[in-house]
């Protein structure tokens, strides 16, 4: 798969900055990210680091935040996180307002013993 945006839009788009989770698709089944009342979950790219911050609400413990910061390398449409040898994300599309990332490392989200296809759509305000 390649980046599916026209050249003019892609030339003006930048990966750097904060991107809010809007949709996740596991094996083609979309789930919309809702604001938990604790803040919007997001990823952020700076010149040197990648940050993934998830906000959630737990009825027992209230607002919860899980955040990780790691280095990354962008090579073409592939993004490798931390010291991984293999890329983690493939950029499927990038515009000024929307980013779509496919997780290319195998993961079994639904616990069926098979690797799942995981696609995230992010937006900017």
Protein backbone atom coordinates (compact mmCIF):
# COMPACT_ATOMS: atom_id res chain seq x y z
CA UNK A 1 0.00 0.00 0.00
CA UNK A 2 1.15 3.52 -0.63
CA UNK A 3 0.28 6.97 0.53
CA UNK A 4 -3.07 7.81 -1.10
CA UNK A 5 -3.02 11.59 -1.23
CA UNK A 6 -2.44 13.95 -4.10
CA UNK A 7 1.06 15.37 -4.34
CA UNK A 8 0.08 18.98 -3.66
CA UNK A 9 -1.76 18.13 -0.44
CA UNK A 10 1.02 15.77 0.69
CA UNK A 11 3.70 18.40 0.09
CA UNK A 12 1.93 20.77 2.48
CA UNK A 13 1.10 18.16 5.11
CA UNK A 14 3.41 17.40 7.98
CA UNK A 15 3.64 14.45 10.27
CA UNK A 16 4.92 16.59 13.13
CA UNK A 17 2.46 17.67 15.80
CA UNK A 18 -0.45 16.27 17.78
CA UNK A 19 -2.91 13.84 16.17
CA UNK A 20 -6.12 12.78 17.95
CA UNK A 21 -7.39 9.20 17.73
CA UNK A 22 -10.70 9.19 15.83
CA UNK A 23 -11.20 5.63 14.50
CA UNK A 24 -9.56 2.26 14.98
CA UNK A 25 -10.27 -0.61 12.62
CA UNK A 26 -9.45 -4.15 13.64
CA UNK A 27 -9.90 -6.59 10.75
CA UNK A 28 -12.04 -3.98 8.96
CA UNK A 29 -14.43 -3.39 11.88
CA UNK A 30 -14.35 0.32 12.82
CA UNK A 31 -14.65 1.68 16.34
CA UNK A 32 -14.95 5.40 16.98
CA UNK A 33 -12.86 6.87 19.79
CA UNK A 34 -15.09 8.74 22.22
CA UNK A 35 -13.94 11.44 24.62
CA UNK A 36 -13.91 9.69 27.99
CA UNK A 37 -14.46 12.98 29.82
CA UNK A 38 -10.82 12.76 30.87
CA UNK A 39 -9.31 14.28 27.74
CA UNK A 40 -8.82 13.14 24.16
CA UNK A 41 -6.32 10.38 23.41
CA UNK A 42 -3.58 11.32 20.96
CA UNK A 43 -0.22 10.61 19.40
CA UNK A 44 2.38 13.31 18.84
CA UNK A 45 5.43 13.45 16.61
CA UNK A 46 8.24 15.89 17.34
CA UNK A 47 11.55 16.11 15.47
CA UNK A 48 13.00 13.39 17.74
CA UNK A 49 10.22 11.65 19.68
CA UNK A 50 6.90 9.87 19.34
CA UNK A 51 4.39 10.11 22.19
CA UNK A 52 1.27 7.96 22.59
CA UNK A 53 -1.19 9.15 25.27
CA UNK A 54 -4.43 7.32 26.06
CA UNK A 55 -7.03 8.84 28.40
CA UNK A 56 -9.74 6.62 29.83
CA UNK A 57 -12.29 6.55 32.63
CA UNK A 58 -12.51 3.73 35.15
CA UNK A 59 -15.62 3.73 37.39
CA UNK A 60 -13.53 2.67 40.40
CA UNK A 61 -10.43 4.81 39.90
CA UNK A 62 -11.71 7.73 37.82
CA UNK A 63 -9.63 9.26 35.05
CA UNK A 64 -6.62 7.23 33.96
CA UNK A 65 -3.79 8.23 31.63
CA UNK A 66 -1.25 5.93 30.01
CA UNK A 67 1.54 7.63 28.11
CA UNK A 68 4.74 6.49 26.46
CA UNK A 69 7.47 8.49 24.78
CA UNK A 70 10.01 6.88 22.48
CA UNK A 71 12.31 7.74 19.62
CA UNK A 72 11.27 7.01 16.05
CA UNK A 73 12.70 6.91 12.55
CA UNK A 74 10.63 7.74 9.48
CA UNK A 75 11.85 6.18 6.25
CA UNK A 76 9.58 6.86 3.29
CA UNK A 77 6.13 5.78 4.41
CA UNK A 78 7.39 3.51 7.21
CA UNK A 79 7.81 4.50 10.87
CA UNK A 80 10.02 2.47 13.19
CA UNK A 81 9.65 3.04 16.95
CA UNK A 82 12.45 3.02 19.53
CA UNK A 83 15.07 0.37 18.84
CA UNK A 84 12.81 -1.90 16.77
CA UNK A 85 14.45 -3.34 13.68
CA UNK A 86 11.18 -3.70 11.78
CA UNK A 87 8.81 -0.79 11.07
CA UNK A 88 5.77 -0.48 13.34
CA UNK A 89 3.52 1.80 11.24
CA UNK A 90 2.94 2.38 7.56
CA UNK A 91 1.53 5.76 6.57
CA UNK A 92 -1.49 5.07 4.36
CA UNK A 93 -2.54 8.69 4.00
CA UNK A 94 -1.42 12.06 5.30
CA UNK A 95 -3.09 15.40 4.76
CA UNK A 96 -3.13 18.60 6.79
CA UNK A 97 -6.12 17.31 8.78
CA UNK A 98 -5.97 13.50 8.68
CA UNK A 99 -3.41 10.75 9.25
CA UNK A 100 -4.06 7.05 8.64
CA UNK A 101 -1.56 4.54 10.04
CA UNK A 102 -1.52 0.77 9.56
CA UNK A 103 0.26 -1.30 12.20
CA UNK A 104 2.57 -3.56 10.23
CA UNK A 105 3.92 -5.62 13.13
CA UNK A 106 1.77 -8.64 13.90
CA UNK A 107 -0.59 -8.33 16.85
CA UNK A 108 -3.47 -10.52 18.01
CA UNK A 109 -5.96 -8.00 19.41
CA UNK A 110 -9.02 -10.27 19.39
CA UNK A 111 -7.16 -13.26 20.93
CA UNK A 112 -8.11 -15.68 18.15
CA UNK A 113 -4.52 -16.83 17.62
CA UNK A 114 -4.20 -15.00 14.28
CA UNK A 115 -2.48 -11.67 13.53
CA UNK A 116 -4.98 -8.85 13.09
CA UNK A 117 -5.05 -5.95 10.67
CA UNK A 118 -5.07 -2.73 12.72
CA UNK A 119 -5.63 0.66 11.11
CA UNK A 120 -5.86 3.96 13.00
CA UNK A 121 -7.30 7.22 11.72
CA UNK A 122 -6.20 10.43 13.46
CA UNK A 123 -7.29 14.03 13.03
CA UNK A 124 -6.12 17.50 14.00
CA UNK A 125 -8.27 20.24 15.45
